[in-house]
Each structure stands twice: as structure tokens, then as C-alpha cells.
């Protein structure tokens, strides 16, 4: 006489005389793929600390100041949070890890992109030839206010998500195993959080793209453009993969995209500057910086003169002053002098 096994916890093969316990499946720590991803995350954290120390040591150099100064350390700190979020995607999920992992990544990367947005706006401001537009941008350029507003909106989204539809651990009963995974609670809130980051990335990309023809040695806009493209491409690829992949390796797909995004920012924003600081010291001097920006200013003034037939003295002087300021901070006295 045959009796059916408890389908919730046991399974049996055809013509079997006993019931086998269903094993719990999840993205395990000792998985080869998990070890590889965690190693890359640990390497990223180590590189962050090394770059932070290097930038602090050379904090008064033109390259560090032109790269944003203190904003660089904020970006590095945000990337640290993004790398730490990787840990919560590995191992047996719990209600706590399910709630922390996406929110930690979302807030960390929003802070990162918000700082890059400030840098993009700063570049657009410093190299803007239209005086009226430049004056408007100066009024809008409030770095800490911009970062606070961007972060505040994301914090609001995450708070609503955790309050009304918070993620939780879910058991999915399969024929021979029990899959332990995180249920996001609300797909809408998850994609709203990711979509908000994508919107900030698109704004950064549009600002940086306008400054792609800046002086080559200090062309921050070009690196921002590449970094944002890498992020967008990674997440565009992630969407169809995430919708088609199922099982315990779903978190691994998310980890790959997070690591690509983090290393994309590091490669485009920090590695070139570290190379200049360590191996091209002759370019990391005030004289080299001034020569580069003045050459750019003279070339720009020549182009304007060739198009208009007049000498744009006042605007050229303002442009030279703006781009010769390593911190790229606007001086309000410029506008009173111009008026």
C-alpha cells in the first residue's frame, strides 16, 4: 500500500518506498560564483580605501581639486556602501537581509550619482560661453542642496516601500527542493527606485555630453559620459535577464550588474586621476593646469572671433577665469563686473 509524501517538506521518486527531505536552495556562500563575486567586491573595497588615502594625500593638487575635491570622498564613501550591499545578496535570505540589500544599494548609488550630477553641473557652468545661461546656472548651483534634494526623494521612496510593501523572505516549494528567496513586496516600488537612479544618470549624461570637447588633460565630462553609459548599458541588459532567469541564481545576476556599475564609476572617475597622480606628476602641477586651460580659452576665443568677426574680450576673460579655477567654483564678482 502506497501513501503520498508530505509535498511541503518531502519528495519521492517513482516506485520509491521512502520519502526524501526537500533541501533548501539559495545562493550559497561556498558557491564558486559567489566566491568570485565576493572577491571582486572585497577588491573593490580595498581599492576604495587606497584611492581615498591617495586623494587625501594629494588633496591640494590641481587634479584632485578639478575632480571635485571633497566630493570625491563622498563618491568613494557611497561606492563603499554599494559594495557592502553585495554581502546581503549572498547566503540564506532572511527578512532583514531582504529589506536591507536593495535599499542600501539604492541609497548608496543615489548619493554617488547625485555627487556626479553636481560635478556635471559644475563643468557645464565653468565652461559655459553663454553668459546669460551661465548666470542662471550660478544661481542654481548649490551643491549640498542638490545632493540633499536628490537623496531626499530616494529616501522618501525607500521609506514608503519599507513601510507599506516591505520585502520579505519567501519559500517557493518545488518538486524536489524548497527555494528560499526574497520577495520584493512591491515590484512597482523596486522599479521606481531603480528608475529614479536611471533618471539621475540620464541627466548627468546630458550635462556631461555638452562638455565632451573640454581640455583633454582635465576632461572630467568625458569620463562622466563613459561612466553613465556603462551604468545604463549594464541595467538595460539586466532587465531582460532578470525577467527570464529564475531560481537561486537570481541574486547573482543582480550582483553582476551592481559590480559592473561600481567598477564603471571607479574606472572612469578615479583610475585615470590615480594614473596622473602616480605616473604623470608633471601634469599635476598648477603651471601645467593653467597652461592647458589658457590654451583652451584662446582656442575658444579664436573660434568665437572667427564666427562673429568681433573680439569677445569680456566673455573671454570670464571664461579664462572660470576654467583656471581648479575647484571650478563660480565667482559672483564676475557678474557684477560684466554688468
C-alpha atoms as a PDB file:
ATOM      1  CA  UNK A   1       0.000   0.000   0.000  1.00  0.00           C
ATOM      2  CA  UNK A   2       1.493   3.362  -1.043  1.00  0.00           C
ATOM      3  CA  UNK A   3       0.941   6.635   0.759  1.00  0.00           C
ATOM      4  CA  UNK A   4       1.774  10.061  -0.572  1.00  0.00           C
ATOM      5  CA  UNK A   5       4.652  12.034   0.971  1.00  0.00           C
ATOM      6  CA  UNK A   6       4.089  15.448   2.518  1.00  0.00           C
ATOM      7  CA  UNK A   7       4.665  17.619  -0.555  1.00  0.00           C
ATOM      8  CA  UNK A   8       5.639  20.628   1.561  1.00  0.00           C
ATOM      9  CA  UNK A   9       8.791  19.066   3.016  1.00  0.00           C
ATOM     10  CA  UNK A  10       9.356  15.722   1.304  1.00  0.00           C
ATOM     11  CA  UNK A  11       9.510  14.187  -2.144  1.00  0.00           C
ATOM     12  CA  UNK A  12       9.886  10.696  -3.589  1.00  0.00           C
ATOM     13  CA  UNK A  13      10.862   9.224  -6.918  1.00  0.00           C
ATOM     14  CA  UNK A  14       8.702   6.817  -8.895  1.00  0.00           C
ATOM     15  CA  UNK A  15       8.230   3.400  -7.219  1.00  0.00           C
ATOM     16  CA  UNK A  16      10.163   4.594  -4.163  1.00  0.00           C
ATOM     17  CA  UNK A  17       9.464   3.061  -0.749  1.00  0.00           C
ATOM     18  CA  UNK A  18      10.565   6.083   1.302  1.00  0.00           C
ATOM     19  CA  UNK A  19      10.306   9.884   1.347  1.00  0.00           C
ATOM     20  CA  UNK A  20      13.316  12.175   0.898  1.00  0.00           C
ATOM     21  CA  UNK A  21      13.598  15.526   2.641  1.00  0.00           C
ATOM     22  CA  UNK A  22      13.491  18.512   0.336  1.00  0.00           C
ATOM     23  CA  UNK A  23      16.706  20.531   0.567  1.00  0.00           C
ATOM     24  CA  UNK A  24      16.679  24.299   0.924  1.00  0.00           C
ATOM     25  CA  UNK A  25      18.181  26.071  -2.087  1.00  0.00           C
ATOM     26  CA  UNK A  26      19.658  29.585  -2.068  1.00  0.00           C
ATOM     27  CA  UNK A  27      22.723  31.421  -3.347  1.00  0.00           C
ATOM     28  CA  UNK A  28      25.248  29.800  -1.002  1.00  0.00           C
ATOM     29  CA  UNK A  29      28.434  31.332   0.375  1.00  0.00           C
ATOM     30  CA  UNK A  30      30.579  28.396  -0.745  1.00  0.00           C
ATOM     31  CA  UNK A  31      29.340  28.537  -4.331  1.00  0.00           C
ATOM     32  CA  UNK A  32      32.160  29.179  -6.784  1.00  0.00           C
ATOM     33  CA  UNK A  33      30.264  32.022  -8.432  1.00  0.00           C
ATOM     34  CA  UNK A  34      29.515  33.597  -5.039  1.00  0.00           C
ATOM     35  CA  UNK A  35      33.182  33.401  -4.013  1.00  0.00           C
ATOM     36  CA  UNK A  36      34.185  35.117  -7.265  1.00  0.00           C
ATOM     37  CA  UNK A  37      31.672  37.929  -6.811  1.00  0.00           C
ATOM     38  CA  UNK A  38      32.569  38.430  -3.147  1.00  0.00           C
ATOM     39  CA  UNK A  39      36.265  38.539  -4.071  1.00  0.00           C
ATOM     40  CA  UNK A  40      35.571  41.262  -6.624  1.00  0.00           C
ATOM     41  CA  UNK A  41      33.580  43.184  -4.011  1.00  0.00           C
ATOM     42  CA  UNK A  42      36.409  42.863  -1.461  1.00  0.00           C
ATOM     43  CA  UNK A  43      38.926  44.004  -4.074  1.00  0.00           C
ATOM     44  CA  UNK A  44      36.711  46.992  -4.842  1.00  0.00           C
ATOM     45  CA  UNK A  45      36.553  47.960  -1.160  1.00  0.00           C
ATOM     46  CA  UNK A  46      40.349  47.690  -0.890  1.00  0.00           C
ATOM     47  CA  UNK A  47      40.788  49.918  -3.960  1.00  0.00           C
ATOM     48  CA  UNK A  48      38.356  52.444  -2.486  1.00  0.00           C
ATOM     49  CA  UNK A  49      40.411  52.787   0.701  1.00  0.00           C
ATOM     50  CA  UNK A  50      43.631  53.099  -1.296  1.00  0.00           C
ATOM     51  CA  UNK A  51      42.199  55.758  -3.602  1.00  0.00           C
ATOM     52  CA  UNK A  52      40.684  57.645  -0.685  1.00  0.00           C
ATOM     53  CA  UNK A  53      44.088  57.744   1.019  1.00  0.00           C
ATOM     54  CA  UNK A  54      45.777  58.876  -2.202  1.00  0.00           C
ATOM     55  CA  UNK A  55      43.235  61.632  -2.826  1.00  0.00           C
ATOM     56  CA  UNK A  56      43.527  62.841   0.762  1.00  0.00           C
ATOM     57  CA  UNK A  57      47.318  62.901   0.466  1.00  0.00           C
ATOM     58  CA  UNK A  58      47.124  64.919  -2.776  1.00  0.00           C
ATOM     59  CA  UNK A  59      44.036  66.915  -1.798  1.00  0.00           C
ATOM     60  CA  UNK A  60      45.661  70.254  -2.715  1.00  0.00           C
ATOM     61  CA  UNK A  61      46.821  69.151  -6.170  1.00  0.00           C
ATOM     62  CA  UNK A  62      45.093  70.517  -9.319  1.00  0.00           C
ATOM     63  CA  UNK A  63      43.911  67.069 -10.446  1.00  0.00           C
ATOM     64  CA  UNK A  64      42.094  66.349  -7.174  1.00  0.00           C
ATOM     65  CA  UNK A  65      40.608  69.847  -6.987  1.00  0.00           C
ATOM     66  CA  UNK A  66      39.450  69.717 -10.611  1.00  0.00           C
ATOM     67  CA  UNK A  67      37.908  66.301  -9.924  1.00  0.00           C
ATOM     68  CA  UNK A  68      35.679  67.754  -7.234  1.00  0.00           C
ATOM     69  CA  UNK A  69      37.807  67.872  -4.087  1.00  0.00           C
ATOM     70  CA  UNK A  70      35.694  66.745  -1.146  1.00  0.00           C
ATOM     71  CA  UNK A  71      33.007  65.368  -3.464  1.00  0.00           C
ATOM     72  CA  UNK A  72      35.456  62.628  -4.469  1.00  0.00           C
ATOM     73  CA  UNK A  73      35.498  61.294  -0.906  1.00  0.00           C
ATOM     74  CA  UNK A  74      31.685  61.376  -0.768  1.00  0.00           C
ATOM     75  CA  UNK A  75      31.520  59.375  -4.012  1.00  0.00           C
ATOM     76  CA  UNK A  76      34.048  56.878  -2.660  1.00  0.00           C
ATOM     77  CA  UNK A  77      32.005  56.535   0.538  1.00  0.00           C
ATOM     78  CA  UNK A  78      28.820  55.923  -1.472  1.00  0.00           C
ATOM     79  CA  UNK A  79      30.582  53.269  -3.558  1.00  0.00           C
ATOM     80  CA  UNK A  80      31.673  51.630  -0.303  1.00  0.00           C
ATOM     81  CA  UNK A  81      28.024  51.289   0.695  1.00  0.00           C
ATOM     82  CA  UNK A  82      27.212  49.848  -2.720  1.00  0.00           C
ATOM     83  CA  UNK A  83      29.992  47.244  -2.403  1.00  0.00           C
ATOM     84  CA  UNK A  84      28.881  46.348   1.139  1.00  0.00           C
ATOM     85  CA  UNK A  85      25.335  45.712  -0.134  1.00  0.00           C
ATOM     86  CA  UNK A  86      26.766  42.765  -2.108  1.00  0.00           C
ATOM     87  CA  UNK A  87      27.079  40.804   1.133  1.00  0.00           C
ATOM     88  CA  UNK A  88      23.319  40.837   1.690  1.00  0.00           C
ATOM     89  CA  UNK A  89      22.635  39.133  -1.650  1.00  0.00           C
ATOM     90  CA  UNK A  90      24.617  36.007  -0.683  1.00  0.00           C
ATOM     91  CA  UNK A  91      23.653  33.326   1.813  1.00  0.00           C
ATOM     92  CA  UNK A  92      20.330  32.190   3.204  1.00  0.00           C
ATOM     93  CA  UNK A  93      17.925  35.117   2.970  1.00  0.00           C
ATOM     94  CA  UNK A  94      16.096  36.491   5.976  1.00  0.00           C
ATOM     95  CA  UNK A  95      13.549  39.252   6.404  1.00  0.00           C
ATOM     96  CA  UNK A  96      16.339  41.618   7.477  1.00  0.00           C
ATOM     97  CA  UNK A  97      18.672  40.926   4.554  1.00  0.00           C
ATOM     98  CA  UNK A  98      15.777  41.137   2.105  1.00  0.00           C
ATOM     99  CA  UNK A  99      14.890  44.608   3.371  1.00  0.00           C
ATOM    100  CA  UNK A 100      18.437  45.890   3.546  1.00  0.00           C
ATOM    101  CA  UNK A 101      20.071  44.811   0.289  1.00  0.00           C
ATOM    102  CA  UNK A 102      18.124  46.769  -2.335  1.00  0.00           C
ATOM    103  CA  UNK A 103      17.597  49.793  -0.112  1.00  0.00           C
ATOM    104  CA  UNK A 104      21.288  50.014   0.792  1.00  0.00           C
ATOM    105  CA  UNK A 105      22.305  49.809  -2.852  1.00  0.00           C
ATOM    106  CA  UNK A 106      19.635  52.306  -3.922  1.00  0.00           C
ATOM    107  CA  UNK A 107      20.576  54.934  -1.353  1.00  0.00           C
ATOM    108  CA  UNK A 108      24.320  54.453  -1.852  1.00  0.00           C
ATOM    109  CA  UNK A 109      24.201  54.703  -5.625  1.00  0.00           C
ATOM    110  CA  UNK A 110      21.783  57.642  -5.493  1.00  0.00           C
ATOM    111  CA  UNK A 111      24.308  59.506  -3.344  1.00  0.00           C
ATOM    112  CA  UNK A 112      27.032  58.611  -5.847  1.00  0.00           C
ATOM    113  CA  UNK A 113      25.058  59.779  -8.877  1.00  0.00           C
ATOM    114  CA  UNK A 114      23.905  62.938  -7.053  1.00  0.00           C
ATOM    115  CA  UNK A 115      27.532  63.960  -6.478  1.00  0.00           C
ATOM    116  CA  UNK A 116      28.366  63.200 -10.106  1.00  0.00           C
ATOM    117  CA  UNK A 117      25.382  65.350 -11.100  1.00  0.00           C
ATOM    118  CA  UNK A 118      26.866  68.230  -9.120  1.00  0.00           C
ATOM    119  CA  UNK A 119      30.208  67.710 -10.878  1.00  0.00           C
ATOM    120  CA  UNK A 120      28.470  67.670 -14.272  1.00  0.00           C
ATOM    121  CA  UNK A 121      26.662  70.904 -13.499  1.00  0.00           C
ATOM    122  CA  UNK A 122      29.912  72.435 -12.274  1.00  0.00           C
ATOM    123  CA  UNK A 123      31.653  71.587 -15.538  1.00  0.00           C
ATOM    124  CA  UNK A 124      28.773  72.960 -17.579  1.00  0.00           C
ATOM    125  CA  UNK A 125      28.913  76.127 -15.506  1.00  0.00           C
ATOM    126  CA  UNK A 126      32.671  76.651 -15.699  1.00  0.00           C
ATOM    127  CA  UNK A 127      32.931  76.136 -19.458  1.00  0.00           C
ATOM    128  CA  UNK A 128      29.670  77.782 -20.458  1.00  0.00           C
ATOM    129  CA  UNK A 129      30.144  80.512 -23.082  1.00  0.00           C
ATOM    130  CA  UNK A 130      26.582  81.863 -22.960  1.00  0.00           C
ATOM    131  CA  UNK A 131      26.769  84.497 -20.247  1.00  0.00           C
ATOM    132  CA  UNK A 132      23.034  84.665 -19.537  1.00  0.00           C
ATOM    133  CA  UNK A 133      22.796  80.892 -19.177  1.00  0.00           C
ATOM    134  CA  UNK A 134      25.927  80.890 -17.058  1.00  0.00           C
ATOM    135  CA  UNK A 135      24.435  83.421 -14.667  1.00  0.00           C
ATOM    136  CA  UNK A 136      21.299  81.293 -14.313  1.00  0.00           C
ATOM    137  CA  UNK A 137      23.368  78.168 -13.651  1.00  0.00           C
ATOM    138  CA  UNK A 138      25.340  80.011 -10.971  1.00  0.00           C
ATOM    139  CA  UNK A 139      22.124  80.812  -9.142  1.00  0.00           C
ATOM    140  CA  UNK A 140      21.016  77.182  -9.335  1.00  0.00           C
ATOM    141  CA  UNK A 141      24.405  75.753  -8.397  1.00  0.00           C
ATOM    142  CA  UNK A 142      24.012  74.812  -4.718  1.00  0.00           C
ATOM    143  CA  UNK A 143      25.949  71.524  -4.349  1.00  0.00           C
ATOM    144  CA  UNK A 144      24.724  70.456  -0.928  1.00  0.00           C
ATOM    145  CA  UNK A 145      21.144  71.496  -1.693  1.00  0.00           C
ATOM    146  CA  UNK A 146      21.163  69.499  -4.940  1.00  0.00           C
ATOM    147  CA  UNK A 147      22.566  66.386  -3.254  1.00  0.00           C
ATOM    148  CA  UNK A 148      20.111  66.726  -0.352  1.00  0.00           C
ATOM    149  CA  UNK A 149      17.106  67.045  -2.679  1.00  0.00           C
ATOM    150  CA  UNK A 150      18.173  64.064  -4.789  1.00  0.00           C
ATOM    151  CA  UNK A 151      18.773  61.945  -1.707  1.00  0.00           C
ATOM    152  CA  UNK A 152      15.575  63.137  -0.032  1.00  0.00           C
ATOM    153  CA  UNK A 153      13.421  61.918  -2.900  1.00  0.00           C
ATOM    154  CA  UNK A 154      15.075  58.492  -2.871  1.00  0.00           C
ATOM    155  CA  UNK A 155      14.784  58.250   0.921  1.00  0.00           C
ATOM    156  CA  UNK A 156      11.077  59.001   0.580  1.00  0.00           C
ATOM    157  CA  UNK A 157      10.633  56.230  -1.995  1.00  0.00           C
ATOM    158  CA  UNK A 158      12.526  53.709   0.146  1.00  0.00           C
ATOM    159  CA  UNK A 159      10.633  54.723   3.306  1.00  0.00           C
ATOM    160  CA  UNK A 160       7.267  54.248   1.624  1.00  0.00           C
ATOM    161  CA  UNK A 161       8.467  50.926   0.235  1.00  0.00           C
ATOM    162  CA  UNK A 162       9.640  49.593   3.613  1.00  0.00           C
ATOM    163  CA  UNK A 163       6.551  50.886   5.391  1.00  0.00           C
ATOM    164  CA  UNK A 164       3.768  49.760   3.082  1.00  0.00           C
ATOM    165  CA  UNK A 165       5.202  46.940   0.970  1.00  0.00           C
ATOM    166  CA  UNK A 166       8.438  45.830   2.597  1.00  0.00           C
ATOM    167  CA  UNK A 167      10.417  42.880   1.155  1.00  0.00           C
ATOM    168  CA  UNK A 168      10.300  39.562   2.983  1.00  0.00           C
ATOM    169  CA  UNK A 169      11.697  36.040   2.800  1.00  0.00           C
ATOM    170  CA  UNK A 170       9.618  33.644   0.793  1.00  0.00           C
ATOM    171  CA  UNK A 171       9.615  29.856   0.427  1.00  0.00           C
ATOM    172  CA  UNK A 172       8.895  28.539  -3.045  1.00  0.00           C
ATOM    173  CA  UNK A 173       8.031  24.839  -2.923  1.00  0.00           C
ATOM    174  CA  UNK A 174       9.455  22.966  -5.898  1.00  0.00           C
ATOM    175  CA  UNK A 175       9.093  19.258  -6.772  1.00  0.00           C
ATOM    176  CA  UNK A 176      12.442  18.265  -5.229  1.00  0.00           C
ATOM    177  CA  UNK A 177      13.583  21.315  -3.246  1.00  0.00           C
ATOM    178  CA  UNK A 178      12.443  24.400  -1.388  1.00  0.00           C
ATOM    179  CA  UNK A 179      13.750  27.661  -2.866  1.00  0.00           C
ATOM    180  CA  UNK A 180      14.463  30.392  -0.328  1.00  0.00           C
ATOM    181  CA  UNK A 181      14.343  33.823  -1.955  1.00  0.00           C
ATOM    182  CA  UNK A 182      13.416  37.422  -1.306  1.00  0.00           C
ATOM    183  CA  UNK A 183      10.063  38.745  -2.360  1.00  0.00           C
ATOM    184  CA  UNK A 184      10.392  42.473  -3.098  1.00  0.00           C
ATOM    185  CA  UNK A 185       6.927  43.133  -1.689  1.00  0.00           C
ATOM    186  CA  UNK A 186       6.150  45.576  -4.478  1.00  0.00           C
ATOM    187  CA  UNK A 187       7.716  45.355  -7.921  1.00  0.00           C
ATOM    188  CA  UNK A 188       6.480  48.878  -8.588  1.00  0.00           C
ATOM    189  CA  UNK A 189       8.486  50.349  -5.700  1.00  0.00           C
ATOM    190  CA  UNK A 190      11.612  48.418  -6.703  1.00  0.00           C
ATOM    191  CA  UNK A 191      11.479  49.662 -10.286  1.00  0.00           C
ATOM    192  CA  UNK A 192      10.567  53.155  -9.081  1.00  0.00           C
ATOM    193  CA  UNK A 193      13.757  53.224  -7.004  1.00  0.00           C
ATOM    194  CA  UNK A 194      15.877  51.936  -9.899  1.00  0.00           C
ATOM    195  CA  UNK A 195      14.099  54.207 -12.383  1.00  0.00           C
ATOM    196  CA  UNK A 196      14.846  57.257 -10.258  1.00  0.00           C
ATOM    197  CA  UNK A 197      18.551  56.398 -10.324  1.00  0.00           C
ATOM    198  CA  UNK A 198      18.338  55.944 -14.103  1.00  0.00           C
ATOM    199  CA  UNK A 199      16.739  59.389 -14.417  1.00  0.00           C
ATOM    200  CA  UNK A 200      19.615  60.995 -12.480  1.00  0.00           C
ATOM    201  CA  UNK A 201      22.085  59.109 -14.677  1.00  0.00           C
ATOM    202  CA  UNK A 202      20.412  60.420 -17.833  1.00  0.00           C
ATOM    203  CA  UNK A 203      20.598  63.993 -16.509  1.00  0.00           C
ATOM    204  CA  UNK A 204      24.296  63.540 -15.700  1.00  0.00           C
ATOM    205  CA  UNK A 205      24.869  62.106 -19.153  1.00  0.00           C
ATOM    206  CA  UNK A 206      23.156  65.037 -20.877  1.00  0.00           C
ATOM    207  CA  UNK A 207      25.152  67.615 -18.882  1.00  0.00           C
ATOM    208  CA  UNK A 208      28.448  65.823 -19.374  1.00  0.00           C
ATOM    209  CA  UNK A 209      27.852  65.255 -23.082  1.00  0.00           C
ATOM    210  CA  UNK A 210      27.699  69.008 -23.635  1.00  0.00           C
ATOM    211  CA  UNK A 211      31.183  69.339 -22.175  1.00  0.00           C
ATOM    212  CA  UNK A 212      32.802  66.500 -24.106  1.00  0.00           C
ATOM    213  CA  UNK A 213      35.137  68.896 -26.021  1.00  0.00           C
ATOM    214  CA  UNK A 214      36.815  70.368 -22.970  1.00  0.00           C
ATOM    215  CA  UNK A 215      40.618  70.392 -22.398  1.00  0.00           C
ATOM    216  CA  UNK A 216      41.787  66.796 -22.774  1.00  0.00           C
ATOM    217  CA  UNK A 217      44.025  66.510 -19.709  1.00  0.00           C
ATOM    218  CA  UNK A 218      41.278  67.665 -17.353  1.00  0.00           C
ATOM    219  CA  UNK A 219      38.248  66.488 -19.290  1.00  0.00           C
ATOM    220  CA  UNK A 220      36.035  65.283 -16.465  1.00  0.00           C
ATOM    221  CA  UNK A 221      32.964  65.410 -18.712  1.00  0.00           C
ATOM    222  CA  UNK A 222      34.267  62.672 -20.996  1.00  0.00           C
ATOM    223  CA  UNK A 223      34.806  60.272 -18.080  1.00  0.00           C
ATOM    224  CA  UNK A 224      31.378  61.076 -16.631  1.00  0.00           C
ATOM    225  CA  UNK A 225      29.801  60.322 -20.006  1.00  0.00           C
ATOM    226  CA  UNK A 226      31.519  56.931 -20.226  1.00  0.00           C
ATOM    227  CA  UNK A 227      30.680  56.069 -16.622  1.00  0.00           C
ATOM    228  CA  UNK A 228      26.990  56.821 -17.103  1.00  0.00           C
ATOM    229  CA  UNK A 229      26.929  54.849 -20.369  1.00  0.00           C
ATOM    230  CA  UNK A 230      28.379  51.804 -18.611  1.00  0.00           C
ATOM    231  CA  UNK A 231      25.698  52.033 -15.925  1.00  0.00           C
ATOM    232  CA  UNK A 232      22.867  52.392 -18.436  1.00  0.00           C
ATOM    233  CA  UNK A 233      24.123  49.533 -20.619  1.00  0.00           C
ATOM    234  CA  UNK A 234      24.513  47.240 -17.603  1.00  0.00           C
ATOM    235  CA  UNK A 235      20.979  47.812 -16.375  1.00  0.00           C
ATOM    236  CA  UNK A 236      19.444  47.637 -19.855  1.00  0.00           C
ATOM    237  CA  UNK A 237      20.995  44.181 -20.184  1.00  0.00           C
ATOM    238  CA  UNK A 238      19.889  43.310 -16.643  1.00  0.00           C
ATOM    239  CA  UNK A 239      16.169  43.871 -17.261  1.00  0.00           C
ATOM    240  CA  UNK A 240      15.550  41.038 -19.777  1.00  0.00           C
ATOM    241  CA  UNK A 241      17.959  38.722 -17.944  1.00  0.00           C
ATOM    242  CA  UNK A 242      16.211  39.376 -14.618  1.00  0.00           C
ATOM    243  CA  UNK A 243      12.826  38.655 -16.160  1.00  0.00           C
ATOM    244  CA  UNK A 244      13.940  35.360 -17.726  1.00  0.00           C
ATOM    245  CA  UNK A 245      16.257  33.891 -15.060  1.00  0.00           C
ATOM    246  CA  UNK A 246      14.677  32.069 -12.139  1.00  0.00           C
ATOM    247  CA  UNK A 247      15.967  30.038  -9.223  1.00  0.00           C
ATOM    248  CA  UNK A 248      18.730  30.586  -6.739  1.00  0.00           C
ATOM    249  CA  UNK A 249      20.995  32.457  -9.173  1.00  0.00           C
ATOM    250  CA  UNK A 250      18.716  35.493  -9.492  1.00  0.00           C
ATOM    251  CA  UNK A 251      20.710  37.367  -6.804  1.00  0.00           C
ATOM    252  CA  UNK A 252      23.903  36.563  -8.710  1.00  0.00           C
ATOM    253  CA  UNK A 253      22.563  38.381 -11.766  1.00  0.00           C
ATOM    254  CA  UNK A 254      21.832  41.439  -9.641  1.00  0.00           C
ATOM    255  CA  UNK A 255      25.307  41.267  -8.097  1.00  0.00           C
ATOM    256  CA  UNK A 256      26.968  41.227 -11.514  1.00  0.00           C
ATOM    257  CA  UNK A 257      25.149  44.408 -12.534  1.00  0.00           C
ATOM    258  CA  UNK A 258      25.965  46.135  -9.217  1.00  0.00           C
ATOM    259  CA  UNK A 259      29.653  45.279  -9.557  1.00  0.00           C
ATOM    260  CA  UNK A 260      29.733  46.452 -13.184  1.00  0.00           C
ATOM    261  CA  UNK A 261      28.146  49.746 -12.136  1.00  0.00           C
ATOM    262  CA  UNK A 262      30.609  50.254  -9.277  1.00  0.00           C
ATOM    263  CA  UNK A 263      33.698  49.364 -11.273  1.00  0.00           C
ATOM    264  CA  UNK A 264      32.436  51.505 -14.149  1.00  0.00           C
ATOM    265  CA  UNK A 265      32.339  54.558 -11.872  1.00  0.00           C
ATOM    266  CA  UNK A 266      35.753  53.731 -10.413  1.00  0.00           C
ATOM    267  CA  UNK A 267      37.342  53.130 -13.818  1.00  0.00           C
ATOM    268  CA  UNK A 268      36.023  56.317 -15.385  1.00  0.00           C
ATOM    269  CA  UNK A 269      36.241  58.702 -12.441  1.00  0.00           C
ATOM    270  CA  UNK A 270      39.173  57.615 -10.297  1.00  0.00           C
ATOM    271  CA  UNK A 271      41.594  55.330 -12.128  1.00  0.00           C
ATOM    272  CA  UNK A 272      42.674  57.997 -14.685  1.00  0.00           C
ATOM    273  CA  UNK A 273      43.299  60.507 -11.903  1.00  0.00           C
ATOM    274  CA  UNK A 274      45.297  57.993  -9.890  1.00  0.00           C
ATOM    275  CA  UNK A 275      47.391  57.348 -13.005  1.00  0.00           C
ATOM    276  CA  UNK A 276      48.114  61.065 -13.419  1.00  0.00           C
ATOM    277  CA  UNK A 277      48.941  61.485  -9.717  1.00  0.00           C
ATOM    278  CA  UNK A 278      51.285  58.497  -9.608  1.00  0.00           C
ATOM    279  CA  UNK A 279      52.854  58.351 -13.083  1.00  0.00           C
ATOM    280  CA  UNK A 280      52.269  61.757 -14.752  1.00  0.00           C
ATOM    281  CA  UNK A 281      53.331  64.079 -11.991  1.00  0.00           C
ATOM    282  CA  UNK A 282      54.361  66.788 -14.471  1.00  0.00           C
ATOM    283  CA  UNK A 283      50.675  67.179 -15.405  1.00  0.00           C
ATOM    284  CA  UNK A 284      49.591  67.505 -11.776  1.00  0.00           C
ATOM    285  CA  UNK A 285      51.019  71.000 -11.263  1.00  0.00           C
ATOM    286  CA  UNK A 286      49.399  74.398 -11.239  1.00  0.00           C
ATOM    287  CA  UNK A 287      51.522  75.588 -14.171  1.00  0.00           C
ATOM    288  CA  UNK A 288      50.508  72.625 -16.333  1.00  0.00           C
ATOM    289  CA  UNK A 289      46.864  73.119 -15.403  1.00  0.00           C
ATOM    290  CA  UNK A 290      46.952  76.857 -16.165  1.00  0.00           C
ATOM    291  CA  UNK A 291      48.687  76.286 -19.498  1.00  0.00           C
ATOM    292  CA  UNK A 292      46.117  73.715 -20.530  1.00  0.00           C
ATOM    293  CA  UNK A 293      43.079  75.830 -19.674  1.00  0.00           C
ATOM    294  CA  UNK A 294      44.523  79.023 -21.155  1.00  0.00           C
ATOM    295  CA  UNK A 295      45.253  77.203 -24.414  1.00  0.00           C
ATOM    296  CA  UNK A 296      41.652  76.053 -24.416  1.00  0.00           C
ATOM    297  CA  UNK A 297      40.429  79.596 -23.672  1.00  0.00           C
ATOM    298  CA  UNK A 298      42.490  81.121 -26.506  1.00  0.00           C
ATOM    299  CA  UNK A 299      41.273  78.473 -28.929  1.00  0.00           C
ATOM    300  CA  UNK A 300      37.667  79.071 -27.899  1.00  0.00           C
ATOM    301  CA  UNK A 301      38.070  82.847 -28.196  1.00  0.00           C
ATOM    302  CA  UNK A 302      39.557  82.441 -31.675  1.00  0.00           C
ATOM    303  CA  UNK A 303      36.608  80.312 -32.746  1.00  0.00           C
ATOM    304  CA  UNK A 304      34.122  82.868 -31.432  1.00  0.00           C
ATOM    305  CA  UNK A 305      36.012  85.693 -33.173  1.00  0.00           C
ATOM    306  CA  UNK A 306      36.082  83.755 -36.424  1.00  0.00           C
ATOM    307  CA  UNK A 307      32.324  83.246 -36.313  1.00  0.00           C
ATOM    308  CA  UNK A 308      31.291  86.735 -35.190  1.00  0.00           C
ATOM    309  CA  UNK A 309      34.129  88.883 -36.525  1.00  0.00           C
ATOM    310  CA  UNK A 310      34.451  90.662 -33.156  1.00  0.00           C
ATOM    311  CA  UNK A 311      36.716  90.206 -30.185  1.00  0.00           C
ATOM    312  CA  UNK A 312      34.759  88.781 -27.202  1.00  0.00           C
ATOM    313  CA  UNK A 313      37.026  90.355 -24.577  1.00  0.00           C
ATOM    314  CA  UNK A 314      34.722  90.396 -21.589  1.00  0.00           C
ATOM    315  CA  UNK A 315      33.339  86.902 -22.089  1.00  0.00           C
ATOM    316  CA  UNK A 316      36.782  85.518 -22.848  1.00  0.00           C
ATOM    317  CA  UNK A 317      38.144  86.941 -19.613  1.00  0.00           C
ATOM    318  CA  UNK A 318      35.276  85.414 -17.667  1.00  0.00           C
ATOM    319  CA  UNK A 319      35.811  82.072 -19.358  1.00  0.00           C
ATOM    320  CA  UNK A 320      39.535  82.090 -18.662  1.00  0.00           C
ATOM    321  CA  UNK A 321      38.901  82.897 -15.022  1.00  0.00           C
ATOM    322  CA  UNK A 322      36.314  80.168 -14.632  1.00  0.00           C
ATOM    323  CA  UNK A 323      38.337  77.388 -16.177  1.00  0.00           C
ATOM    324  CA  UNK A 324      41.570  78.457 -14.464  1.00  0.00           C
ATOM    325  CA  UNK A 325      39.925  77.934 -11.091  1.00  0.00           C
ATOM    326  CA  UNK A 326      40.888  74.324 -10.188  1.00  0.00           C
ATOM    327  CA  UNK A 327      37.915  73.934  -7.878  1.00  0.00           C
ATOM    328  CA  UNK A 328      35.613  75.194 -10.635  1.00  0.00           C
ATOM    329  CA  UNK A 329      33.707  77.346  -8.169  1.00  0.00           C
ATOM    330  CA  UNK A 330      31.999  80.392  -9.726  1.00  0.00           C
ATOM    331  CA  UNK A 331      32.883  83.838  -8.526  1.00  0.00           C
ATOM    332  CA  UNK A 332      29.894  86.152  -8.132  1.00  0.00           C
ATOM    333  CA  UNK A 333      32.098  89.205  -8.709  1.00  0.00           C
ATOM    334  CA  UNK A 334      32.336  88.200 -12.353  1.00  0.00           C
ATOM    335  CA  UNK A 335      28.715  89.031 -12.956  1.00  0.00           C
ATOM    336  CA  UNK A 336      28.837  92.439 -11.271  1.00  0.00           C
ATOM    337  CA  UNK A 337      31.897  93.317 -13.358  1.00  0.00           C
ATOM    338  CA  UNK A 338      30.183  92.152 -16.546  1.00  0.00           C
ATOM    339  CA  UNK A 339      27.006  94.086 -15.787  1.00  0.00           C
END
